[in-house]
């Protein structure tokens, strides 16, 4: 087998393998859009925020406070990149779930790797499942009666409007 020539000398197979292994183990730096999420998320209008994340800012704030009480959401700093805030984790997961898109797209949007997006989605969805009894509240019987009355009134109003429009033509 022929050896590779580097800087005028012939490398042995073991040296080539060592170079190849070092090249594979070297952390790759992918290009990312250089903006912080916090700046442009805060700049969204309320209706834009709702359109992207399928919830109001107020609901998001309540969800963040619930998640902050959950011990599994906090990650201790062990070196490397700084841990992501709970707010950003929630935004990543909500963006992915609301857009029904690819993890790659969410990663590009939030300037993180798609493997990190996967870990965040798993973490957030599992936490939502654990907190589901606090988050999902079914209406009581009295609430159902009230909702039914409102829907009957609204349906009656629309039917009258349609009838009126039809008569004026």
N, C-alpha and C. Protein backbone atom coordinates (compact mmCIF):
# COMPACT_ATOMS: atom_id res chain seq x y z
N UNK A 1 0.85 -1.17 0.00
CA UNK A 1 0.00 0.00 0.00
C UNK A 1 0.89 1.23 0.00
N UNK A 2 0.49 2.23 -0.78
CA UNK A 2 1.28 3.44 -0.89
C UNK A 2 1.00 4.35 0.30
N UNK A 3 2.01 5.02 0.78
CA UNK A 3 1.87 5.98 1.88
C UNK A 3 1.58 7.37 1.33
N UNK A 4 1.09 8.25 2.18
CA UNK A 4 0.78 9.61 1.80
C UNK A 4 2.03 10.47 2.02
N UNK A 5 2.31 11.36 1.09
CA UNK A 5 3.48 12.23 1.22
C UNK A 5 3.02 13.58 1.76
N UNK A 6 3.54 13.96 2.94
CA UNK A 6 3.22 15.24 3.57
C UNK A 6 4.51 15.93 3.92
N UNK A 7 4.62 17.19 3.48
CA UNK A 7 5.81 18.00 3.73
C UNK A 7 7.09 17.26 3.35
N UNK A 8 7.06 16.61 2.20
CA UNK A 8 8.26 15.97 1.66
C UNK A 8 8.61 14.63 2.28
N UNK A 9 7.75 14.09 3.17
CA UNK A 9 8.09 12.79 3.74
C UNK A 9 6.92 11.83 3.59
N UNK A 10 7.23 10.59 3.56
CA UNK A 10 6.24 9.53 3.39
C UNK A 10 5.67 9.13 4.75
N UNK A 11 4.31 9.18 4.89
CA UNK A 11 3.68 8.80 6.14
C UNK A 11 3.37 7.32 6.14
N UNK A 12 3.57 6.68 7.27
CA UNK A 12 3.21 5.26 7.38
C UNK A 12 1.71 5.13 7.57
N UNK A 13 1.20 3.90 7.50
CA UNK A 13 -0.24 3.65 7.67
C UNK A 13 -0.72 4.11 9.04
N UNK A 14 0.06 3.85 10.07
CA UNK A 14 -0.36 4.23 11.42
C UNK A 14 -0.42 5.75 11.56
N UNK A 15 0.50 6.47 10.93
CA UNK A 15 0.47 7.93 10.98
C UNK A 15 -0.76 8.47 10.22
N UNK A 16 -1.08 7.85 9.07
CA UNK A 16 -2.26 8.27 8.31
C UNK A 16 -3.53 8.02 9.12
N UNK A 17 -3.59 6.85 9.76
CA UNK A 17 -4.77 6.54 10.59
C UNK A 17 -4.91 7.56 11.72
N UNK A 18 -3.77 7.87 12.35
CA UNK A 18 -3.78 8.84 13.45
C UNK A 18 -4.29 10.20 12.96
N UNK A 19 -3.80 10.65 11.79
CA UNK A 19 -4.25 11.92 11.22
C UNK A 19 -5.74 11.89 10.91
N UNK A 20 -6.21 10.77 10.36
CA UNK A 20 -7.62 10.62 10.01
C UNK A 20 -8.49 10.64 11.26
N UNK A 21 -8.08 9.92 12.28
CA UNK A 21 -8.84 9.89 13.54
C UNK A 21 -8.88 11.27 14.17
N UNK A 22 -7.77 11.97 14.18
CA UNK A 22 -7.74 13.33 14.74
C UNK A 22 -8.63 14.27 13.95
N UNK A 23 -8.64 14.11 12.64
CA UNK A 23 -9.50 14.96 11.80
C UNK A 23 -10.98 14.68 12.07
N UNK A 24 -11.32 13.42 12.28
CA UNK A 24 -12.71 13.06 12.56
C UNK A 24 -13.15 13.51 13.95
N UNK A 25 -12.23 13.49 14.91
CA UNK A 25 -12.58 13.87 16.28
C UNK A 25 -12.61 15.38 16.49
N UNK A 26 -12.02 16.12 15.58
CA UNK A 26 -11.98 17.57 15.72
C UNK A 26 -13.40 18.13 15.60
N UNK A 27 -13.77 18.97 16.53
CA UNK A 27 -15.11 19.56 16.54
C UNK A 27 -15.30 20.46 15.33
N UNK A 28 -16.37 20.21 14.60
CA UNK A 28 -16.65 21.00 13.41
C UNK A 28 -17.39 22.27 13.79
N UNK A 29 -17.06 23.37 13.16
CA UNK A 29 -17.71 24.66 13.39
C UNK A 29 -18.57 24.96 12.18
N UNK A 30 -19.88 24.78 12.32
CA UNK A 30 -20.81 25.07 11.25
C UNK A 30 -21.18 26.55 11.27
N UNK A 31 -21.47 27.09 10.11
CA UNK A 31 -21.87 28.48 10.03
C UNK A 31 -23.27 28.64 10.62
N UNK A 32 -23.44 29.64 11.46
CA UNK A 32 -24.73 29.94 12.06
C UNK A 32 -24.99 31.44 11.91
N UNK A 33 -26.27 31.77 11.83
CA UNK A 33 -26.66 33.17 11.79
C UNK A 33 -26.27 33.78 13.12
N UNK A 34 -25.58 34.89 13.10
CA UNK A 34 -25.02 35.45 14.32
C UNK A 34 -25.96 36.49 14.95
N UNK A 35 -27.09 36.03 15.47
CA UNK A 35 -27.99 36.91 16.22
C UNK A 35 -28.46 36.16 17.44
N UNK A 36 -28.77 36.89 18.49
CA UNK A 36 -29.29 36.22 19.68
C UNK A 36 -30.80 36.18 19.60
N UNK A 37 -31.34 35.05 19.99
CA UNK A 37 -32.77 34.81 19.91
C UNK A 37 -33.54 35.82 20.75
N UNK A 38 -33.01 36.13 21.93
CA UNK A 38 -33.72 37.00 22.86
C UNK A 38 -34.06 38.35 22.23
N UNK A 39 -33.18 38.87 21.41
CA UNK A 39 -33.41 40.20 20.83
C UNK A 39 -34.58 40.20 19.86
N UNK A 40 -34.63 39.23 18.95
CA UNK A 40 -35.71 39.29 17.97
C UNK A 40 -37.01 38.68 18.47
N UNK A 41 -36.97 37.78 19.44
CA UNK A 41 -38.21 37.25 20.01
C UNK A 41 -38.94 38.38 20.75
N UNK A 42 -38.20 39.18 21.49
CA UNK A 42 -38.81 40.31 22.21
C UNK A 42 -39.38 41.33 21.24
N UNK A 43 -38.84 41.41 20.04
CA UNK A 43 -39.31 42.39 19.06
C UNK A 43 -40.59 41.95 18.35
N UNK A 44 -40.97 40.68 18.47
CA UNK A 44 -42.21 40.22 17.83
C UNK A 44 -43.42 40.96 18.40
N UNK A 45 -44.35 41.29 17.54
CA UNK A 45 -45.65 41.77 18.00
C UNK A 45 -46.38 40.58 18.63
N UNK A 46 -47.35 40.86 19.48
CA UNK A 46 -48.06 39.77 20.16
C UNK A 46 -48.70 38.80 19.18
N UNK A 47 -49.30 39.32 18.11
CA UNK A 47 -49.94 38.41 17.15
C UNK A 47 -48.90 37.60 16.37
N UNK A 48 -47.72 38.16 16.14
CA UNK A 48 -46.65 37.40 15.48
C UNK A 48 -46.15 36.28 16.40
N UNK A 49 -45.97 36.63 17.68
CA UNK A 49 -45.55 35.63 18.66
C UNK A 49 -46.55 34.48 18.69
N UNK A 50 -47.83 34.80 18.74
CA UNK A 50 -48.88 33.77 18.76
C UNK A 50 -48.86 32.96 17.47
N UNK A 51 -48.64 33.62 16.35
CA UNK A 51 -48.59 32.91 15.07
C UNK A 51 -47.45 31.93 14.97
N UNK A 52 -46.31 32.26 15.55
CA UNK A 52 -45.14 31.38 15.47
C UNK A 52 -45.14 30.28 16.53
N UNK A 53 -45.63 30.61 17.72
CA UNK A 53 -45.51 29.66 18.84
C UNK A 53 -46.85 29.08 19.30
N UNK A 54 -47.95 29.51 18.68
CA UNK A 54 -49.29 29.00 18.96
C UNK A 54 -49.74 29.19 20.40
N UNK A 55 -49.24 30.25 21.04
CA UNK A 55 -49.71 30.63 22.37
C UNK A 55 -49.37 32.10 22.61
N UNK A 56 -50.08 32.71 23.53
CA UNK A 56 -49.83 34.12 23.83
C UNK A 56 -48.57 34.24 24.68
N UNK A 57 -48.04 35.44 24.76
CA UNK A 57 -46.87 35.67 25.61
C UNK A 57 -47.21 35.39 27.07
N UNK A 58 -48.42 35.76 27.48
CA UNK A 58 -48.85 35.54 28.85
C UNK A 58 -48.85 34.05 29.19
N UNK A 59 -49.40 33.24 28.31
CA UNK A 59 -49.40 31.79 28.51
C UNK A 59 -47.98 31.26 28.52
N UNK A 60 -47.14 31.78 27.64
CA UNK A 60 -45.73 31.36 27.59
C UNK A 60 -45.04 31.67 28.92
N UNK A 61 -45.29 32.85 29.46
CA UNK A 61 -44.68 33.25 30.73
C UNK A 61 -45.12 32.31 31.86
N UNK A 62 -46.39 31.95 31.87
CA UNK A 62 -46.90 31.02 32.89
C UNK A 62 -46.24 29.64 32.73
N UNK A 63 -46.09 29.20 31.48
CA UNK A 63 -45.46 27.91 31.22
C UNK A 63 -44.00 27.91 31.66
N UNK A 64 -43.31 29.01 31.41
CA UNK A 64 -41.91 29.13 31.84
C UNK A 64 -41.81 29.01 33.36
N UNK A 65 -42.70 29.69 34.08
CA UNK A 65 -42.64 29.63 35.54
C UNK A 65 -42.92 28.21 36.04
N UNK A 66 -43.81 27.48 35.38
CA UNK A 66 -44.07 26.09 35.76
C UNK A 66 -42.84 25.22 35.48
N UNK A 67 -42.19 25.45 34.34
CA UNK A 67 -41.01 24.67 33.98
C UNK A 67 -39.84 24.98 34.90
N UNK A 68 -39.74 26.21 35.38
CA UNK A 68 -38.63 26.57 36.28
C UNK A 68 -38.74 25.83 37.61
N UNK A 69 -39.93 25.41 37.98
CA UNK A 69 -40.11 24.66 39.22
C UNK A 69 -39.74 23.19 39.04
N UNK A 70 -39.59 22.74 37.82
CA UNK A 70 -39.26 21.35 37.53
C UNK A 70 -37.74 21.18 37.55
N UNK A 71 -37.27 20.31 38.43
CA UNK A 71 -35.82 20.14 38.62
C UNK A 71 -35.12 19.59 37.38
N UNK A 72 -35.79 18.79 36.56
CA UNK A 72 -35.14 18.18 35.41
C UNK A 72 -34.87 19.17 34.28
N UNK A 73 -35.49 20.32 34.32
CA UNK A 73 -35.27 21.31 33.26
C UNK A 73 -33.98 22.09 33.47
N UNK A 74 -33.51 22.19 34.70
CA UNK A 74 -32.27 22.92 34.98
C UNK A 74 -31.08 22.02 34.69
N UNK A 75 -30.10 22.58 34.01
CA UNK A 75 -28.89 21.84 33.68
C UNK A 75 -27.71 22.59 34.27
N UNK A 76 -26.86 21.88 35.01
CA UNK A 76 -25.67 22.50 35.60
C UNK A 76 -24.61 22.69 34.52
N UNK A 77 -23.83 23.74 34.66
CA UNK A 77 -22.76 24.01 33.72
C UNK A 77 -21.59 23.08 34.02
N UNK A 78 -21.18 22.31 33.02
CA UNK A 78 -20.09 21.35 33.21
C UNK A 78 -18.92 21.63 32.27
N UNK A 79 -18.95 22.75 31.58
CA UNK A 79 -17.91 23.08 30.61
C UNK A 79 -18.47 23.10 29.22
N UNK A 80 -17.72 23.65 28.30
CA UNK A 80 -18.20 23.77 26.92
C UNK A 80 -19.13 24.97 26.79
N UNK A 81 -20.14 24.83 25.94
CA UNK A 81 -21.09 25.92 25.75
C UNK A 81 -21.93 26.12 27.00
N UNK A 82 -22.35 27.35 27.24
CA UNK A 82 -23.22 27.64 28.38
C UNK A 82 -24.56 26.91 28.20
N UNK A 83 -25.14 26.40 29.29
CA UNK A 83 -26.44 25.75 29.16
C UNK A 83 -27.50 26.73 28.66
N UNK A 84 -28.47 26.20 27.96
CA UNK A 84 -29.54 27.01 27.39
C UNK A 84 -30.56 27.35 28.47
N UNK A 85 -31.13 28.53 28.39
CA UNK A 85 -32.15 28.93 29.35
C UNK A 85 -33.43 28.13 29.11
N UNK A 86 -34.25 28.04 30.14
CA UNK A 86 -35.52 27.34 30.01
C UNK A 86 -36.39 28.03 28.97
N UNK A 87 -36.34 29.36 28.93
CA UNK A 87 -37.13 30.11 27.95
C UNK A 87 -36.76 29.70 26.53
N UNK A 88 -35.46 29.61 26.26
CA UNK A 88 -35.03 29.25 24.91
C UNK A 88 -35.39 27.81 24.59
N UNK A 89 -35.26 26.91 25.57
CA UNK A 89 -35.65 25.51 25.35
C UNK A 89 -37.13 25.42 24.97
N UNK A 90 -37.95 26.14 25.70
CA UNK A 90 -39.38 26.13 25.40
C UNK A 90 -39.66 26.72 24.03
N UNK A 91 -39.00 27.82 23.69
CA UNK A 91 -39.20 28.43 22.38
C UNK A 91 -38.81 27.48 21.25
N UNK A 92 -37.69 26.78 21.42
CA UNK A 92 -37.24 25.82 20.40
C UNK A 92 -38.29 24.73 20.20
N UNK A 93 -38.75 24.15 21.32
CA UNK A 93 -39.72 23.05 21.23
C UNK A 93 -41.05 23.54 20.67
N UNK A 94 -41.51 24.69 21.12
CA UNK A 94 -42.79 25.22 20.62
C UNK A 94 -42.70 25.57 19.14
N UNK A 95 -41.58 26.14 18.73
CA UNK A 95 -41.37 26.46 17.31
C UNK A 95 -41.45 25.20 16.47
N UNK A 96 -40.73 24.18 16.90
CA UNK A 96 -40.71 22.91 16.17
C UNK A 96 -42.10 22.30 16.10
N UNK A 97 -42.80 22.25 17.23
CA UNK A 97 -44.13 21.64 17.26
C UNK A 97 -45.15 22.46 16.48
N UNK A 98 -45.05 23.79 16.56
CA UNK A 98 -46.02 24.64 15.86
C UNK A 98 -45.81 24.63 14.36
N UNK A 99 -44.58 24.57 13.93
CA UNK A 99 -44.26 24.63 12.50
C UNK A 99 -44.32 23.27 11.82
N UNK A 100 -44.33 22.19 12.61
CA UNK A 100 -44.30 20.84 12.07
C UNK A 100 -43.17 20.70 11.04
N UNK A 101 -42.05 21.30 11.37
CA UNK A 101 -40.94 21.33 10.42
C UNK A 101 -39.85 20.34 10.78
N UNK A 102 -38.71 20.57 10.19
CA UNK A 102 -37.56 19.71 10.41
C UNK A 102 -36.73 20.23 11.58
N UNK A 103 -36.07 19.33 12.26
CA UNK A 103 -35.19 19.72 13.37
C UNK A 103 -34.05 20.58 12.86
N UNK A 104 -33.63 20.32 11.65
CA UNK A 104 -32.56 21.12 11.05
C UNK A 104 -32.99 22.58 10.94
N UNK A 105 -34.22 22.82 10.50
CA UNK A 105 -34.72 24.19 10.34
C UNK A 105 -34.81 24.89 11.68
N UNK A 106 -35.32 24.21 12.69
CA UNK A 106 -35.39 24.80 14.03
C UNK A 106 -33.98 25.10 14.54
N UNK A 107 -33.05 24.19 14.29
CA UNK A 107 -31.67 24.41 14.70
C UNK A 107 -31.05 25.63 14.04
N UNK A 108 -31.28 25.77 12.75
CA UNK A 108 -30.76 26.94 12.03
C UNK A 108 -31.37 28.22 12.58
N UNK A 109 -32.66 28.17 12.85
CA UNK A 109 -33.38 29.36 13.32
C UNK A 109 -32.89 29.81 14.69
N UNK A 110 -32.60 28.84 15.57
CA UNK A 110 -32.19 29.16 16.93
C UNK A 110 -30.69 29.04 17.15
N UNK A 111 -29.94 28.80 16.07
CA UNK A 111 -28.49 28.78 16.13
C UNK A 111 -27.97 27.64 17.03
N UNK A 112 -28.57 26.46 16.87
CA UNK A 112 -28.13 25.29 17.63
C UNK A 112 -28.10 24.08 16.69
N UNK A 113 -27.43 23.03 17.11
CA UNK A 113 -27.33 21.80 16.30
C UNK A 113 -28.65 21.05 16.33
N UNK A 114 -28.91 20.29 15.28
CA UNK A 114 -30.18 19.54 15.24
C UNK A 114 -30.23 18.46 16.32
N UNK A 115 -29.07 17.95 16.74
CA UNK A 115 -29.06 16.97 17.85
C UNK A 115 -29.50 17.65 19.15
N UNK A 116 -29.16 18.91 19.30
CA UNK A 116 -29.59 19.67 20.48
C UNK A 116 -31.10 19.91 20.41
N UNK A 117 -31.61 20.20 19.22
CA UNK A 117 -33.06 20.37 19.04
C UNK A 117 -33.78 19.10 19.47
N UNK A 118 -33.27 17.94 19.06
CA UNK A 118 -33.88 16.65 19.43
C UNK A 118 -33.91 16.47 20.94
N UNK A 119 -32.79 16.75 21.60
CA UNK A 119 -32.72 16.61 23.06
C UNK A 119 -33.70 17.56 23.75
N UNK A 120 -33.79 18.79 23.24
CA UNK A 120 -34.70 19.78 23.83
C UNK A 120 -36.15 19.34 23.66
N UNK A 121 -36.51 18.87 22.48
CA UNK A 121 -37.89 18.45 22.23
C UNK A 121 -38.26 17.29 23.15
N UNK A 122 -37.37 16.32 23.28
CA UNK A 122 -37.62 15.19 24.19
C UNK A 122 -37.82 15.69 25.62
N UNK A 123 -36.95 16.57 26.06
CA UNK A 123 -37.02 17.10 27.42
C UNK A 123 -38.32 17.87 27.67
N UNK A 124 -38.66 18.76 26.75
CA UNK A 124 -39.85 19.59 26.91
C UNK A 124 -41.13 18.76 26.83
N UNK A 125 -41.22 17.85 25.88
CA UNK A 125 -42.42 17.02 25.74
C UNK A 125 -42.59 16.11 26.96
N UNK A 126 -41.51 15.53 27.45
CA UNK A 126 -41.60 14.70 28.66
C UNK A 126 -42.03 15.53 29.87
N UNK A 127 -41.52 16.74 29.97
CA UNK A 127 -41.92 17.63 31.08
C UNK A 127 -43.38 18.02 30.94
N UNK A 128 -43.82 18.31 29.72
CA UNK A 128 -45.24 18.63 29.50
C UNK A 128 -46.13 17.45 29.91
N UNK A 129 -45.70 16.25 29.61
CA UNK A 129 -46.48 15.06 30.00
C UNK A 129 -46.55 14.94 31.52
N UNK A 130 -45.44 15.19 32.20
CA UNK A 130 -45.44 15.13 33.67
C UNK A 130 -46.33 16.21 34.28
N UNK A 131 -46.35 17.39 33.65
CA UNK A 131 -47.12 18.52 34.18
C UNK A 131 -48.54 18.59 33.61
N UNK A 132 -48.93 17.60 32.82
CA UNK A 132 -50.21 17.68 32.10
C UNK A 132 -51.40 17.88 33.03
N UNK A 133 -51.37 17.29 34.21
CA UNK A 133 -52.52 17.46 35.12
C UNK A 133 -52.65 18.90 35.60
N UNK A 134 -51.55 19.64 35.61
CA UNK A 134 -51.59 21.06 36.00
C UNK A 134 -51.88 21.97 34.81
N UNK A 135 -51.53 21.52 33.61
CA UNK A 135 -51.65 22.36 32.42
C UNK A 135 -53.00 22.19 31.75
N UNK A 136 -53.44 20.94 31.60
CA UNK A 136 -54.70 20.68 30.90
C UNK A 136 -55.83 20.64 31.92
N UNK A 137 -56.76 21.57 31.77
CA UNK A 137 -57.89 21.64 32.68
C UNK A 137 -59.16 21.51 31.86
N UNK A 138 -59.92 20.47 32.14
CA UNK A 138 -61.17 20.24 31.43
C UNK A 138 -62.26 21.10 32.06
N UNK A 139 -63.19 21.60 31.26
CA UNK A 139 -64.25 22.45 31.83
C UNK A 139 -65.19 21.64 32.73
N UNK A 140 -65.69 22.34 33.76
CA UNK A 140 -66.67 21.72 34.65
C UNK A 140 -68.03 21.74 33.97
N UNK A 141 -68.99 21.03 34.54
CA UNK A 141 -70.31 20.90 33.93
C UNK A 141 -70.97 22.27 33.76
N UNK A 142 -70.84 23.14 34.75
CA UNK A 142 -71.43 24.48 34.68
C UNK A 142 -70.79 25.28 33.54
N UNK A 143 -69.47 25.13 33.37
CA UNK A 143 -68.77 25.81 32.27
C UNK A 143 -69.28 25.31 30.92
N UNK A 144 -69.53 24.02 30.82
CA UNK A 144 -70.04 23.44 29.56
C UNK A 144 -71.40 24.03 29.20
N UNK A 145 -72.26 24.20 30.19
CA UNK A 145 -73.58 24.78 29.95
C UNK A 145 -73.43 26.22 29.44
N UNK A 146 -72.55 26.97 30.06
CA UNK A 146 -72.32 28.36 29.64
C UNK A 146 -71.77 28.42 28.22
N UNK A 147 -70.82 27.55 27.91
CA UNK A 147 -70.24 27.50 26.56
C UNK A 147 -71.31 27.15 25.54
N UNK A 148 -72.17 26.22 25.89
CA UNK A 148 -73.25 25.80 25.00
C UNK A 148 -74.22 26.95 24.74
N UNK A 149 -74.56 27.70 25.78
CA UNK A 149 -75.47 28.85 25.62
C UNK A 149 -74.85 29.90 24.71
N UNK A 150 -73.59 30.18 24.90
CA UNK A 150 -72.90 31.18 24.06
C UNK A 150 -72.87 30.72 22.61
N UNK A 151 -72.57 29.44 22.38
CA UNK A 151 -72.49 28.95 21.00
C UNK A 151 -73.87 28.98 20.33
N UNK A 152 -74.94 28.68 21.08
CA UNK A 152 -76.30 28.77 20.52
C UNK A 152 -76.64 30.21 20.15
N UNK A 153 -76.29 31.15 21.04
CA UNK A 153 -76.55 32.56 20.78
C UNK A 153 -75.78 33.02 19.54
N UNK A 154 -74.51 32.63 19.46
CA UNK A 154 -73.66 33.03 18.33
C UNK A 154 -74.19 32.43 17.03
N UNK A 155 -74.55 31.16 17.05
CA UNK A 155 -75.09 30.51 15.85
C UNK A 155 -76.39 31.19 15.41
N UNK A 156 -77.25 31.53 16.35
CA UNK A 156 -78.52 32.20 16.05
C UNK A 156 -78.25 33.57 15.40
N UNK A 157 -77.28 34.31 15.95
CA UNK A 157 -76.91 35.63 15.41
C UNK A 157 -76.42 35.50 13.97
N UNK A 158 -75.54 34.53 13.70
CA UNK A 158 -75.03 34.34 12.34
C UNK A 158 -76.14 33.95 11.37
N UNK A 159 -77.03 33.08 11.80
CA UNK A 159 -78.13 32.68 10.93
C UNK A 159 -79.03 33.87 10.59
N UNK A 160 -79.28 34.74 11.56
CA UNK A 160 -80.08 35.95 11.30
C UNK A 160 -79.36 36.86 10.31
N UNK A 161 -78.05 36.99 10.47
CA UNK A 161 -77.26 37.85 9.58
C UNK A 161 -77.30 37.32 8.15
N UNK A 162 -77.15 36.03 7.99
CA UNK A 162 -77.18 35.42 6.66
C UNK A 162 -78.57 35.60 6.04
N UNK A 163 -79.60 35.39 6.85
CA UNK A 163 -80.97 35.54 6.37
C UNK A 163 -81.22 36.98 5.92
N UNK A 164 -80.75 37.95 6.71
CA UNK A 164 -80.93 39.36 6.38
C UNK A 164 -80.21 39.70 5.08
N UNK A 165 -79.00 39.22 4.92
CA UNK A 165 -78.24 39.48 3.70
C UNK A 165 -78.93 38.88 2.48
N UNK A 166 -79.48 37.71 2.66
CA UNK A 166 -80.16 37.03 1.56
C UNK A 166 -81.45 37.79 1.15
N UNK A 167 -82.14 38.36 2.12
CA UNK A 167 -83.37 39.09 1.85
C UNK A 167 -83.12 40.42 1.15
N UNK A 168 -81.98 41.05 1.39
CA UNK A 168 -81.71 42.36 0.80
C UNK A 168 -81.21 42.27 -0.62
N UNK A 169 -80.96 41.12 -1.12
CA UNK A 169 -80.46 41.01 -2.52
C UNK A 169 -81.56 41.02 -3.49
